[in-house]
PDB file of N, CA and C in Angstrom:
ATOM      1  N   MET A   1      -8.102 -25.571  34.072  1.00  0.00           N
ATOM      2  CA  MET A   1      -7.203 -24.701  33.197  1.00  0.00           C
ATOM      3  C   MET A   1      -6.598 -25.631  32.043  1.00  0.00           C
ATOM      4  N   VAL A   2      -6.654 -24.680  30.915  1.00  0.00           N
ATOM      5  CA  VAL A   2      -6.319 -25.573  29.345  1.00  0.00           C
ATOM      6  C   VAL A   2      -4.513 -25.663  29.771  1.00  0.00           C
ATOM      7  N   ASP A   3      -3.912 -26.703  29.227  1.00  0.00           N
ATOM      8  CA  ASP A   3      -2.592 -26.962  29.136  1.00  0.00           C
ATOM      9  C   ASP A   3      -2.165 -25.996  28.213  1.00  0.00           C
ATOM     10  N   ALA A   4      -1.075 -24.936  28.938  1.00  0.00           N
ATOM     11  CA  ALA A   4      -0.337 -24.245  27.986  1.00  0.00           C
ATOM     12  C   ALA A   4       0.613 -24.637  27.249  1.00  0.00           C
ATOM     13  N   THR A   5       1.365 -25.798  27.715  1.00  0.00           N
ATOM     14  CA  THR A   5       2.347 -26.125  26.807  1.00  0.00           C
ATOM     15  C   THR A   5       1.784 -26.895  25.502  1.00  0.00           C
ATOM     16  N   GLY A   6       0.463 -27.609  25.609  1.00  0.00           N
ATOM     17  CA  GLY A   6      -0.022 -28.287  24.368  1.00  0.00           C
ATOM     18  C   GLY A   6      -0.563 -27.025  23.277  1.00  0.00           C
ATOM     19  N   ASN A   7      -0.806 -25.854  23.679  1.00  0.00           N
ATOM     20  CA  ASN A   7      -1.054 -24.919  22.754  1.00  0.00           C
ATOM     21  C   ASN A   7      -0.255 -24.024  22.221  1.00  0.00           C
ATOM     22  N   ASP A   8       1.077 -24.322  22.634  1.00  0.00           N
ATOM     23  CA  ASP A   8       2.219 -23.339  22.377  1.00  0.00           C
ATOM     24  C   ASP A   8       2.868 -23.871  21.209  1.00  0.00           C
ATOM     25  N   HIS A   9       2.421 -22.776  20.363  1.00  0.00           N
ATOM     26  CA  HIS A   9       3.078 -23.079  18.946  1.00  0.00           C
ATOM     27  C   HIS A   9       4.464 -22.603  18.729  1.00  0.00           C
ATOM     28  N   ALA A  10       5.360 -22.008  19.354  1.00  0.00           N
ATOM     29  CA  ALA A  10       6.468 -21.557  19.859  1.00  0.00           C
ATOM     30  C   ALA A  10       7.383 -23.077  20.249  1.00  0.00           C
ATOM     31  N   ALA A  11       6.669 -23.863  20.883  1.00  0.00           N
ATOM     32  CA  ALA A  11       7.358 -24.952  21.574  1.00  0.00           C
ATOM     33  C   ALA A  11       7.050 -26.360  20.620  1.00  0.00           C
ATOM     34  N   LYS A  12       6.555 -26.020  19.688  1.00  0.00           N
ATOM     35  CA  LYS A  12       6.547 -27.270  18.632  1.00  0.00           C
ATOM     36  C   LYS A  12       7.029 -27.298  17.380  1.00  0.00           C
ATOM     37  N   PRO A  13       8.059 -28.067  16.755  1.00  0.00           N
ATOM     38  CA  PRO A  13       8.552 -27.720  15.593  1.00  0.00           C
ATOM     39  C   PRO A  13       7.747 -27.315  14.260  1.00  0.00           C
ATOM     40  N   LEU A  14       6.895 -27.882  13.973  1.00  0.00           N
ATOM     41  CA  LEU A  14       6.332 -27.602  12.728  1.00  0.00           C
ATOM     42  C   LEU A  14       5.505 -26.454  12.769  1.00  0.00           C
ATOM     43  N   PRO A  15       4.777 -26.031  13.919  1.00  0.00           N
ATOM     44  CA  PRO A  15       3.938 -24.703  13.900  1.00  0.00           C
ATOM     45  C   PRO A  15       4.879 -23.724  14.065  1.00  0.00           C
ATOM     46  N   PHE A  16       6.133 -23.789  14.941  1.00  0.00           N
ATOM     47  CA  PHE A  16       7.082 -23.023  14.948  1.00  0.00           C
ATOM     48  C   PHE A  16       7.988 -22.462  13.624  1.00  0.00           C
ATOM     49  N   PHE A  17       8.082 -23.494  12.759  1.00  0.00           N
ATOM     50  CA  PHE A  17       8.641 -23.083  11.466  1.00  0.00           C
ATOM     51  C   PHE A  17       7.404 -22.462  10.700  1.00  0.00           C
ATOM     52  N   TRP A  18       6.316 -22.532  10.433  1.00  0.00           N
ATOM     53  CA  TRP A  18       5.129 -21.841   9.820  1.00  0.00           C
ATOM     54  C   TRP A  18       5.016 -20.681  10.484  1.00  0.00           C
ATOM     55  N   SER A  19       4.855 -20.706  11.544  1.00  0.00           N
ATOM     56  CA  SER A  19       4.535 -19.355  12.173  1.00  0.00           C
ATOM     57  C   SER A  19       5.867 -18.253  12.329  1.00  0.00           C
ATOM     58  N   TRP A  20       7.129 -18.589  12.383  1.00  0.00           N
ATOM     59  CA  TRP A  20       8.229 -17.685  12.398  1.00  0.00           C
ATOM     60  C   TRP A  20       9.486 -18.350  11.561  1.00  0.00           C
ATOM     61  N   GLY A  21       9.632 -19.429  11.356  1.00  0.00           N
ATOM     62  CA  GLY A  21      11.023 -19.859  10.443  1.00  0.00           C
ATOM     63  C   GLY A  21      10.368 -19.475   8.922  1.00  0.00           C
ATOM     64  N   LEU A  22       9.643 -19.733   8.618  1.00  0.00           N
ATOM     65  CA  LEU A  22       9.171 -19.637   7.024  1.00  0.00           C
ATOM     66  C   LEU A  22       9.306 -17.912   6.973  1.00  0.00           C
ATOM     67  N   PRO A  23       8.592 -17.038   7.838  1.00  0.00           N
ATOM     68  CA  PRO A  23       8.630 -15.769   7.649  1.00  0.00           C
ATOM     69  C   PRO A  23       9.994 -15.256   7.682  1.00  0.00           C
ATOM     70  N   LEU A  24      10.849 -15.954   8.523  1.00  0.00           N
ATOM     71  CA  LEU A  24      12.093 -15.368   8.871  1.00  0.00           C
ATOM     72  C   LEU A  24      13.244 -15.668   7.579  1.00  0.00           C
ATOM     73  N   ALA A  25      13.164 -16.928   6.923  1.00  0.00           N
ATOM     74  CA  ALA A  25      13.572 -17.215   5.513  1.00  0.00           C
ATOM     75  C   ALA A  25      13.028 -16.474   4.460  1.00  0.00           C
ATOM     76  N   ILE A  26      11.931 -16.011   4.555  1.00  0.00           N
ATOM     77  CA  ILE A  26      11.445 -15.271   3.509  1.00  0.00           C
ATOM     78  C   ILE A  26      12.263 -13.726   3.646  1.00  0.00           C
ATOM     79  N   LEU A  27      12.145 -13.230   4.883  1.00  0.00           N
ATOM     80  CA  LEU A  27      12.879 -11.948   5.255  1.00  0.00           C
ATOM     81  C   LEU A  27      14.261 -11.836   4.943  1.00  0.00           C
ATOM     82  N   PHE A  28      14.971 -12.991   5.047  1.00  0.00           N
ATOM     83  CA  PHE A  28      16.555 -12.820   4.588  1.00  0.00           C
ATOM     84  C   PHE A  28      16.724 -13.171   3.204  1.00  0.00           C
ATOM     85  N   SER A  29      15.774 -13.976   2.699  1.00  0.00           N
ATOM     86  CA  SER A  29      15.757 -13.957   1.213  1.00  0.00           C
ATOM     87  C   SER A  29      15.530 -12.493   0.614  1.00  0.00           C
ATOM     88  N   THR A  30      15.167 -11.655   1.069  1.00  0.00           N
ATOM     89  CA  THR A  30      15.171 -10.205   0.375  1.00  0.00           C
ATOM     90  C   THR A  30      16.652  -9.924   0.220  1.00  0.00           C
ATOM     91  N   ASN A  31      17.463 -10.347   1.026  1.00  0.00           N
ATOM     92  CA  ASN A  31      18.931  -9.780   0.479  1.00  0.00           C
ATOM     93  C   ASN A  31      19.478  -9.967  -0.840  1.00  0.00           C
ATOM     94  N   PHE A  32      18.548 -11.196  -1.363  1.00  0.00           N
ATOM     95  CA  PHE A  32      19.370 -11.535  -2.801  1.00  0.00           C
ATOM     96  C   PHE A  32      18.331 -11.313  -3.694  1.00  0.00           C
ATOM     97  N   MET A  33      17.474 -10.480  -3.586  1.00  0.00           N
ATOM     98  CA  MET A  33      16.407 -10.145  -4.515  1.00  0.00           C
ATOM     99  C   MET A  33      16.372  -8.560  -5.184  1.00  0.00           C
ATOM    100  N   SER A  34      17.567  -7.937  -4.580  1.00  0.00           N
ATOM    101  CA  SER A  34      17.719  -6.896  -5.307  1.00  0.00           C
ATOM    102  C   SER A  34      18.394  -6.837  -6.691  1.00  0.00           C
ATOM    103  N   GLY A  35      17.658  -6.011  -7.548  1.00  0.00           N
ATOM    104  CA  GLY A  35      17.934  -6.079  -8.705  1.00  0.00           C
ATOM    105  C   GLY A  35      17.374  -6.780  -9.638  1.00  0.00           C
ATOM    106  N   VAL A  36      16.549  -7.792  -8.923  1.00  0.00           N
ATOM    107  CA  VAL A  36      15.635  -8.801  -9.665  1.00  0.00           C
ATOM    108  C   VAL A  36      14.386  -8.625  -9.682  1.00  0.00           C
ATOM    109  N   VAL A  37      13.904  -8.367  -8.108  1.00  0.00           N
ATOM    110  CA  VAL A  37      12.697  -7.718  -7.894  1.00  0.00           C
ATOM    111  C   VAL A  37      12.616  -6.072  -7.547  1.00  0.00           C
ATOM    112  N   PRO A  38      11.727  -5.371  -8.211  1.00  0.00           N
ATOM    113  CA  PRO A  38      11.431  -3.826  -7.630  1.00  0.00           C
ATOM    114  C   PRO A  38      11.455  -3.856  -6.161  1.00  0.00           C
ATOM    115  N   LEU A  39      12.299  -2.676  -5.871  1.00  0.00           N
ATOM    116  CA  LEU A  39      12.329  -2.195  -4.632  1.00  0.00           C
ATOM    117  C   LEU A  39      11.024  -2.151  -3.443  1.00  0.00           C
ATOM    118  N   PRO A  40      10.075  -1.559  -4.237  1.00  0.00           N
ATOM    119  CA  PRO A  40       8.617  -1.595  -3.314  1.00  0.00           C
ATOM    120  C   PRO A  40       8.282  -3.068  -2.972  1.00  0.00           C
ATOM    121  N   ILE A  41       8.449  -4.261  -3.901  1.00  0.00           N
ATOM    122  CA  ILE A  41       7.866  -5.299  -3.721  1.00  0.00           C
ATOM    123  C   ILE A  41       8.639  -5.813  -2.541  1.00  0.00           C
ATOM    124  N   ILE A  42      10.201  -5.823  -2.264  1.00  0.00           N
ATOM    125  CA  ILE A  42      11.000  -6.130  -1.481  1.00  0.00           C
ATOM    126  C   ILE A  42      10.324  -5.586  -0.155  1.00  0.00           C
ATOM    127  N   LEU A  43      10.408  -4.223  -0.346  1.00  0.00           N
ATOM    128  CA  LEU A  43       9.781  -3.595   1.122  1.00  0.00           C
ATOM    129  C   LEU A  43       8.256  -4.235   1.558  1.00  0.00           C
ATOM    130  N   LEU A  44       7.685  -4.571   0.862  1.00  0.00           N
ATOM    131  CA  LEU A  44       6.472  -5.090   1.361  1.00  0.00           C
ATOM    132  C   LEU A  44       6.277  -6.365   1.507  1.00  0.00           C
ATOM    133  N   ILE A  45       7.361  -7.428   1.108  1.00  0.00           N
ATOM    134  CA  ILE A  45       7.869  -8.678   1.439  1.00  0.00           C
ATOM    135  C   ILE A  45       8.309  -8.403   2.958  1.00  0.00           C
ATOM    136  N   MET A  46       9.153  -7.654   3.080  1.00  0.00           N
ATOM    137  CA  MET A  46       9.887  -7.410   4.555  1.00  0.00           C
ATOM    138  C   MET A  46       8.926  -7.155   5.514  1.00  0.00           C
ATOM    139  N   SER A  47       8.208  -6.238   5.173  1.00  0.00           N
ATOM    140  CA  SER A  47       7.000  -5.578   6.030  1.00  0.00           C
ATOM    141  C   SER A  47       6.109  -6.753   6.271  1.00  0.00           C
ATOM    142  N   GLY A  48       5.758  -7.506   5.409  1.00  0.00           N
ATOM    143  CA  GLY A  48       4.695  -8.547   5.868  1.00  0.00           C
ATOM    144  C   GLY A  48       5.136  -9.585   6.369  1.00  0.00           C
ATOM    145  N   SER A  49       6.745  -9.837   6.239  1.00  0.00           N
ATOM    146  CA  SER A  49       7.231 -11.109   7.040  1.00  0.00           C
ATOM    147  C   SER A  49       6.961 -10.754   8.423  1.00  0.00           C
ATOM    148  N   PHE A  50       7.417  -9.311   8.848  1.00  0.00           N
ATOM    149  CA  PHE A  50       7.390  -9.268  10.229  1.00  0.00           C
ATOM    150  C   PHE A  50       6.040  -8.999  10.767  1.00  0.00           C
ATOM    151  N   PHE A  51       4.815  -8.570  10.046  1.00  0.00           N
ATOM    152  CA  PHE A  51       3.828  -8.854  10.391  1.00  0.00           C
ATOM    153  C   PHE A  51       2.940 -10.377  10.764  1.00  0.00           C
ATOM    154  N   TRP A  52       3.713 -10.777   9.793  1.00  0.00           N
ATOM    155  CA  TRP A  52       3.329 -12.453   9.861  1.00  0.00           C
ATOM    156  C   TRP A  52       3.641 -12.568  11.374  1.00  0.00           C
ATOM    157  N   MET A  53       4.894 -12.542  11.437  1.00  0.00           N
ATOM    158  CA  MET A  53       5.584 -13.193  12.842  1.00  0.00           C
ATOM    159  C   MET A  53       4.698 -12.396  13.882  1.00  0.00           C
ATOM    160  N   GLY A  54       4.538 -11.251  13.759  1.00  0.00           N
ATOM    161  CA  GLY A  54       3.802 -10.160  14.860  1.00  0.00           C
ATOM    162  C   GLY A  54       2.297 -10.930  15.273  1.00  0.00           C
ATOM    163  N   PHE A  55       1.835 -11.222  14.242  1.00  0.00           N
ATOM    164  CA  PHE A  55       0.376 -11.780  14.528  1.00  0.00           C
ATOM    165  C   PHE A  55       0.457 -13.368  14.908  1.00  0.00           C
ATOM    166  N   ALA A  56       1.567 -13.815  14.508  1.00  0.00           N
ATOM    167  CA  ALA A  56       1.674 -15.126  15.020  1.00  0.00           C
ATOM    168  C   ALA A  56       1.948 -15.145  16.549  1.00  0.00           C
ATOM    169  N   CYS A  57       2.606 -14.176  17.017  1.00  0.00           N
ATOM    170  CA  CYS A  57       2.852 -14.102  18.395  1.00  0.00           C
ATOM    171  C   CYS A  57       1.790 -13.537  19.091  1.00  0.00           C
ATOM    172  N   VAL A  58       0.915 -12.599  18.507  1.00  0.00           N
ATOM    173  CA  VAL A  58      -0.243 -12.255  19.149  1.00  0.00           C
ATOM    174  C   VAL A  58      -1.296 -13.571  19.346  1.00  0.00           C
ATOM    175  N   LEU A  59      -1.364 -14.289  18.227  1.00  0.00           N
ATOM    176  CA  LEU A  59      -2.151 -15.485  18.327  1.00  0.00           C
ATOM    177  C   LEU A  59      -1.695 -16.522  19.580  1.00  0.00           C
ATOM    178  N   ASN A  60      -0.131 -16.712  19.222  1.00  0.00           N
ATOM    179  CA  ASN A  60       0.188 -17.596  20.250  1.00  0.00           C
ATOM    180  C   ASN A  60      -0.104 -17.093  21.657  1.00  0.00           C
ATOM    181  N   ALA A  61       0.138 -15.775  22.068  1.00  0.00           N
ATOM    182  CA  ALA A  61      -0.017 -15.370  23.344  1.00  0.00           C
ATOM    183  C   ALA A  61      -1.610 -15.426  23.888  1.00  0.00           C
ATOM    184  N   LYS A  62      -2.344 -15.131  22.985  1.00  0.00           N
ATOM    185  CA  LYS A  62      -3.833 -15.633  23.164  1.00  0.00           C
ATOM    186  C   LYS A  62      -4.183 -17.069  23.457  1.00  0.00           C
ATOM    187  N   ARG A  63      -3.608 -17.788  22.522  1.00  0.00           N
ATOM    188  CA  ARG A  63      -3.932 -19.428  22.830  1.00  0.00           C
ATOM    189  C   ARG A  63      -3.133 -19.967  24.126  1.00  0.00           C
ATOM    190  N   CYS A  64      -1.726 -19.475  24.301  1.00  0.00           N
ATOM    191  CA  CYS A  64      -1.123 -20.241  25.558  1.00  0.00           C
ATOM    192  C   CYS A  64      -0.790 -19.278  26.597  1.00  0.00           C
ATOM    193  N   ARG A  65      -0.751 -18.135  26.304  1.00  0.00           N
ATOM    194  CA  ARG A  65      -0.463 -17.183  27.256  1.00  0.00           C
ATOM    195  C   ARG A  65       1.201 -17.358  27.640  1.00  0.00           C
ATOM    196  N   ARG A  66       1.919 -17.539  26.402  1.00  0.00           N
ATOM    197  CA  ARG A  66       3.460 -17.489  26.543  1.00  0.00           C
ATOM    198  C   ARG A  66       4.096 -16.254  26.802  1.00  0.00           C
ATOM    199  N   ARG A  67       4.769 -15.990  27.681  1.00  0.00           N
ATOM    200  CA  ARG A  67       5.103 -14.604  28.362  1.00  0.00           C
ATOM    201  C   ARG A  67       5.660 -13.548  27.157  1.00  0.00           C
ATOM    202  N   HIS A  68       6.820 -14.238  26.427  1.00  0.00           N
ATOM    203  CA  HIS A  68       7.634 -13.584  25.252  1.00  0.00           C
ATOM    204  C   HIS A  68       6.816 -13.140  24.345  1.00  0.00           C
ATOM    205  N   CYS A  69       5.692 -13.869  23.972  1.00  0.00           N
ATOM    206  CA  CYS A  69       4.920 -13.530  22.917  1.00  0.00           C
ATOM    207  C   CYS A  69       4.001 -12.267  23.116  1.00  0.00           C
ATOM    208  N   TYR A  70       3.692 -11.976  24.426  1.00  0.00           N
ATOM    209  CA  TYR A  70       3.086 -10.698  24.872  1.00  0.00           C
ATOM    210  C   TYR A  70       3.832  -9.541  24.416  1.00  0.00           C
ATOM    211  N   TYR A  71       5.283  -9.848  24.306  1.00  0.00           N
ATOM    212  CA  TYR A  71       6.384  -8.533  24.088  1.00  0.00           C
ATOM    213  C   TYR A  71       6.541  -8.905  22.568  1.00  0.00           C
ATOM    214  N   SER A  72       7.034  -9.801  22.030  1.00  0.00           N
ATOM    215  CA  SER A  72       7.566  -9.937  20.928  1.00  0.00           C
ATOM    216  C   SER A  72       6.439  -9.591  19.657  1.00  0.00           C
ATOM    217  N   GLY A  73       5.304  -9.998  20.302  1.00  0.00           N
ATOM    218  CA  GLY A  73       4.093  -9.770  18.902  1.00  0.00           C
ATOM    219  C   GLY A  73       4.002  -8.190  18.455  1.00  0.00           C
ATOM    220  N   PRO A  74       3.811  -7.449  19.609  1.00  0.00           N
ATOM    221  CA  PRO A  74       3.956  -5.962  19.184  1.00  0.00           C
ATOM    222  C   PRO A  74       5.263  -5.527  18.843  1.00  0.00           C
ATOM    223  N   ILE A  75       6.518  -6.041  19.082  1.00  0.00           N
ATOM    224  CA  ILE A  75       7.802  -5.637  18.556  1.00  0.00           C
ATOM    225  C   ILE A  75       7.814  -5.936  17.110  1.00  0.00           C
ATOM    226  N   PHE A  76       7.224  -7.321  16.765  1.00  0.00           N
ATOM    227  CA  PHE A  76       7.266  -7.628  15.390  1.00  0.00           C
ATOM    228  C   PHE A  76       6.489  -6.886  14.452  1.00  0.00           C
ATOM    229  N   ILE A  77       5.191  -6.319  14.915  1.00  0.00           N
ATOM    230  CA  ILE A  77       3.891  -5.393  14.094  1.00  0.00           C
ATOM    231  C   ILE A  77       4.954  -4.232  13.959  1.00  0.00           C
ATOM    232  N   ALA A  78       5.543  -3.623  15.125  1.00  0.00           N
ATOM    233  CA  ALA A  78       6.005  -2.391  15.063  1.00  0.00           C
ATOM    234  C   ALA A  78       6.986  -2.386  14.104  1.00  0.00           C
ATOM    235  N   GLY A  79       7.840  -3.514  13.955  1.00  0.00           N
ATOM    236  CA  GLY A  79       8.989  -3.377  13.049  1.00  0.00           C
ATOM    237  C   GLY A  79       8.369  -3.569  11.805  1.00  0.00           C
ATOM    238  N   GLY A  80       7.176  -4.363  11.281  1.00  0.00           N
ATOM    239  CA  GLY A  80       6.449  -4.310   9.942  1.00  0.00           C
ATOM    240  C   GLY A  80       6.314  -2.768   9.470  1.00  0.00           C
ATOM    241  N   ALA A  81       5.873  -1.951  10.410  1.00  0.00           N
ATOM    242  CA  ALA A  81       5.389  -0.656  10.160  1.00  0.00           C
ATOM    243  C   ALA A  81       6.743   0.186  10.182  1.00  0.00           C
ATOM    244  N   GLY A  82       7.695  -0.166  11.063  1.00  0.00           N
ATOM    245  CA  GLY A  82       8.909   0.467  10.788  1.00  0.00           C
ATOM    246  C   GLY A  82       9.602   0.257   9.349  1.00  0.00           C
ATOM    247  N   VAL A  83       9.554  -0.788   8.941  1.00  0.00           N
ATOM    248  CA  VAL A  83      10.160  -1.181   7.625  1.00  0.00           C
ATOM    249  C   VAL A  83       9.430  -0.634   6.520  1.00  0.00           C
ATOM    250  N   PHE A  84       8.328  -0.444   6.661  1.00  0.00           N
ATOM    251  CA  PHE A  84       7.222   0.212   5.649  1.00  0.00           C
ATOM    252  C   PHE A  84       7.460   2.012   5.671  1.00  0.00           C
ATOM    253  N   LEU A  85       7.643   2.351   6.659  1.00  0.00           N
ATOM    254  CA  LEU A  85       7.682   3.984   6.761  1.00  0.00           C
ATOM    255  C   LEU A  85       8.912   4.210   6.563  1.00  0.00           C
ATOM    256  N   VAL A  86      10.079   3.521   7.024  1.00  0.00           N
ATOM    257  CA  VAL A  86      11.531   4.085   6.632  1.00  0.00           C
ATOM    258  C   VAL A  86      11.726   3.385   5.117  1.00  0.00           C
ATOM    259  N   GLY A  87      11.228   2.321   4.514  1.00  0.00           N
ATOM    260  CA  GLY A  87      11.459   2.052   3.250  1.00  0.00           C
ATOM    261  C   GLY A  87      10.937   2.698   2.230  1.00  0.00           C
ATOM    262  N   PHE A  88       9.633   3.307   2.532  1.00  0.00           N
ATOM    263  CA  PHE A  88       9.140   4.193   1.457  1.00  0.00           C
ATOM    264  C   PHE A  88       9.493   5.257   1.761  1.00  0.00           C
ATOM    265  N   GLY A  89      10.498   5.964   2.834  1.00  0.00           N
ATOM    266  CA  GLY A  89      10.599   7.381   2.771  1.00  0.00           C
ATOM    267  C   GLY A  89       9.809   8.145   3.543  1.00  0.00           C
ATOM    268  N   ILE A  90       9.060   7.737   4.433  1.00  0.00           N
ATOM    269  CA  ILE A  90       8.140   8.488   5.127  1.00  0.00           C
ATOM    270  C   ILE A  90       8.785   8.978   6.541  1.00  0.00           C
ATOM    271  N   VAL A  91       9.561   8.025   6.916  1.00  0.00           N
ATOM    272  CA  VAL A  91      10.336   8.422   8.112  1.00  0.00           C
ATOM    273  C   VAL A  91      11.731   8.075   7.795  1.00  0.00           C
ATOM    274  N   SER A  92      12.653   8.957   8.084  1.00  0.00           N
ATOM    275  CA  SER A  92      14.022   8.906   7.946  1.00  0.00           C
ATOM    276  C   SER A  92      15.345   8.411   9.195  1.00  0.00           C
ATOM    277  N   PHE A  93      15.598   7.389   9.216  1.00  0.00           N
ATOM    278  CA  PHE A  93      16.520   7.258  10.039  1.00  0.00           C
ATOM    279  C   PHE A  93      18.192   7.050   9.426  1.00  0.00           C
ATOM    280  N   GLY A  94      18.267   7.821   8.384  1.00  0.00           N
ATOM    281  CA  GLY A  94      19.703   8.261   7.677  1.00  0.00           C
ATOM    282  C   GLY A  94      19.926   6.904   6.758  1.00  0.00           C
ATOM    283  N   ALA A  95      20.938   6.926   6.218  1.00  0.00           N
ATOM    284  CA  ALA A  95      21.478   5.959   5.286  1.00  0.00           C
ATOM    285  C   ALA A  95      21.014   4.497   5.471  1.00  0.00           C
ATOM    286  N   ASP A  96      21.497   3.990   6.973  1.00  0.00           N
ATOM    287  CA  ASP A  96      21.458   2.517   7.288  1.00  0.00           C
ATOM    288  C   ASP A  96      19.776   2.536   8.203  1.00  0.00           C
ATOM    289  N   GLY A  97      18.901   3.508   7.874  1.00  0.00           N
ATOM    290  CA  GLY A  97      17.765   3.234   8.625  1.00  0.00           C
ATOM    291  C   GLY A  97      17.161   2.055   8.620  1.00  0.00           C
ATOM    292  N   LEU A  98      17.024   1.429   7.431  1.00  0.00           N
ATOM    293  CA  LEU A  98      16.293   0.082   7.229  1.00  0.00           C
ATOM    294  C   LEU A  98      16.924  -1.032   7.696  1.00  0.00           C
ATOM    295  N   ILE A  99      18.429  -0.917   7.797  1.00  0.00           N
ATOM    296  CA  ILE A  99      18.954  -2.073   8.640  1.00  0.00           C
ATOM    297  C   ILE A  99      18.849  -1.880  10.005  1.00  0.00           C
ATOM    298  N   ILE A 100      18.774  -0.589  10.452  1.00  0.00           N
ATOM    299  CA  ILE A 100      18.445  -0.235  11.982  1.00  0.00           C
ATOM    300  C   ILE A 100      17.334  -0.824  12.423  1.00  0.00           C
ATOM    301  N   VAL A 101      16.186  -0.635  11.526  1.00  0.00           N
ATOM    302  CA  VAL A 101      14.890  -1.198  11.992  1.00  0.00           C
ATOM    303  C   VAL A 101      14.946  -2.487  12.051  1.00  0.00           C
ATOM    304  N   VAL A 102      15.325  -3.302  10.894  1.00  0.00           N
ATOM    305  CA  VAL A 102      15.416  -4.729  10.678  1.00  0.00           C
ATOM    306  C   VAL A 102      16.072  -5.397  11.859  1.00  0.00           C
ATOM    307  N   TRP A 103      17.223  -5.099  11.856  1.00  0.00           N
ATOM    308  CA  TRP A 103      18.259  -5.792  13.213  1.00  0.00           C
ATOM    309  C   TRP A 103      17.861  -5.129  14.493  1.00  0.00           C
ATOM    310  N   GLY A 104      17.160  -4.202  14.541  1.00  0.00           N
ATOM    311  CA  GLY A 104      16.606  -3.649  15.800  1.00  0.00           C
ATOM    312  C   GLY A 104      15.478  -4.504  16.222  1.00  0.00           C
ATOM    313  N   THR A 105      14.332  -4.711  15.472  1.00  0.00           N
ATOM    314  CA  THR A 105      13.489  -5.378  15.498  1.00  0.00           C
ATOM    315  C   THR A 105      13.747  -6.946  15.905  1.00  0.00           C
ATOM    316  N   LEU A 106      14.780  -7.700  15.227  1.00  0.00           N
ATOM    317  CA  LEU A 106      14.985  -8.784  15.433  1.00  0.00           C
ATOM    318  C   LEU A 106      15.765  -8.985  16.996  1.00  0.00           C
ATOM    319  N   ALA A 107      16.529  -7.986  17.233  1.00  0.00           N
ATOM    320  CA  ALA A 107      17.332  -7.925  18.692  1.00  0.00           C
ATOM    321  C   ALA A 107      16.299  -7.778  19.560  1.00  0.00           C
ATOM    322  N   LEU A 108      15.461  -7.040  19.723  1.00  0.00           N
ATOM    323  CA  LEU A 108      14.340  -6.648  20.349  1.00  0.00           C
ATOM    324  C   LEU A 108      13.516  -8.127  20.491  1.00  0.00           C
ATOM    325  N   ALA A 109      13.174  -8.575  19.672  1.00  0.00           N
ATOM    326  CA  ALA A 109      12.235  -9.641  19.740  1.00  0.00           C
ATOM    327  C   ALA A 109      12.949 -11.181  20.346  1.00  0.00           C
ATOM    328  N   LEU A 110      13.958 -11.091  20.192  1.00  0.00           N
ATOM    329  CA  LEU A 110      15.040 -12.421  20.749  1.00  0.00           C
ATOM    330  C   LEU A 110      15.351 -11.877  22.235  1.00  0.00           C
ATOM    331  N   LEU A 111      15.244 -10.474  22.701  1.00  0.00           N
ATOM    332  CA  LEU A 111      15.750 -10.251  24.074  1.00  0.00           C
ATOM    333  C   LEU A 111      14.341 -10.578  24.888  1.00  0.00           C
ATOM    334  N   THR A 112      13.155 -10.834  24.158  1.00  0.00           N
ATOM    335  CA  THR A 112      11.722 -11.367  25.148  1.00  0.00           C
ATOM    336  C   THR A 112      12.115 -12.222  25.696  1.00  0.00           C
ATOM    337  N   TYR A 113      12.895 -13.399  25.014  1.00  0.00           N
ATOM    338  CA  TYR A 113      12.994 -14.569  25.499  1.00  0.00           C
ATOM    339  C   TYR A 113      13.534 -14.548  27.164  1.00  0.00           C
ATOM    340  N   LEU A 114      14.492 -13.495  27.236  1.00  0.00           N
ATOM    341  CA  LEU A 114      15.071 -13.298  28.719  1.00  0.00           C
ATOM    342  C   LEU A 114      14.062 -13.072  29.882  1.00  0.00           C
ATOM    343  N   THR A 115      12.738 -12.725  29.606  1.00  0.00           N
ATOM    344  CA  THR A 115      11.670 -12.643  30.583  1.00  0.00           C
ATOM    345  C   THR A 115      11.393 -13.960  30.855  1.00  0.00           C
ATOM    346  N   GLU A 116      11.396 -15.000  30.292  1.00  0.00           N
ATOM    347  CA  GLU A 116      10.911 -16.307  30.882  1.00  0.00           C
ATOM    348  C   GLU A 116      11.773 -16.820  31.884  1.00  0.00           C
ATOM    349  N   PRO A 117      12.912 -16.768  31.661  1.00  0.00           N
ATOM    350  CA  PRO A 117      13.271 -17.394  33.146  1.00  0.00           C
ATOM    351  C   PRO A 117      13.516 -16.519  34.362  1.00  0.00           C
ATOM    352  N   ILE A 118      12.948 -15.438  33.907  1.00  0.00           N
ATOM    353  CA  ILE A 118      13.104 -14.342  35.117  1.00  0.00           C
ATOM    354  C   ILE A 118      11.660 -14.615  35.905  1.00  0.00           C
ATOM    355  N   PHE A 119      10.525 -14.289  34.983  1.00  0.00           N
ATOM    356  CA  PHE A 119       9.122 -14.367  35.358  1.00  0.00           C
ATOM    357  C   PHE A 119       8.462 -15.415  35.152  1.00  0.00           C
ATOM    358  N   GLY A 120       8.972 -16.575  34.429  1.00  0.00           N
ATOM    359  CA  GLY A 120       8.137 -17.743  34.120  1.00  0.00           C
ATOM    360  C   GLY A 120       7.893 -17.858  32.639  1.00  0.00           C
ATOM    361  N   LYS A 121       7.501 -19.013  32.137  1.00  0.00           N
ATOM    362  CA  LYS A 121       7.314 -19.200  30.717  1.00  0.00           C
ATOM    363  C   LYS A 121       5.894 -18.698  30.224  1.00  0.00           C
ATOM    364  N   TYR A 122       4.896 -18.895  31.151  1.00  0.00           N
ATOM    365  CA  TYR A 122       3.681 -18.673  30.830  1.00  0.00           C
ATOM    366  C   TYR A 122       3.068 -17.661  32.023  1.00  0.00           C
ATOM    367  N   VAL A 123       2.271 -16.752  31.632  1.00  0.00           N
ATOM    368  CA  VAL A 123       1.656 -15.928  32.198  1.00  0.00           C
ATOM    369  C   VAL A 123       0.371 -16.577  32.932  1.00  0.00           C
ATOM    370  N   ASN A 124       0.343 -16.424  34.259  1.00  0.00           N
ATOM    371  CA  ASN A 124      -0.699 -17.377  35.085  1.00  0.00           C
ATOM    372  C   ASN A 124      -2.159 -16.548  34.722  1.00  0.00           C
TER     373      ASN A 124
END
């Protein structure tokens, strides 16, 4: 069996930064782009950041079988789609719809870490 810990990018500082830290920084930086960058570009950046993190989780789940990555990957991908759909007005969740999608996605992804102490860090 392959050593799961050795292949876990979520457990290594530099791969963690490239896979999740940088896209999170880019996502949060969109708060300061209003008035400088057109809204459609901001929405594409936000959506892309979620897709980036989602695909990093899916690849990490495939690589090392990290439990929370099996859940957070699809959550981030759905969040990217949600930002796109709500941001471009295809779906409406009201005036705060975009905020709901972004913070809801981040909260759900963070909650997936709770599965690890309960069921184990890696899927057998």
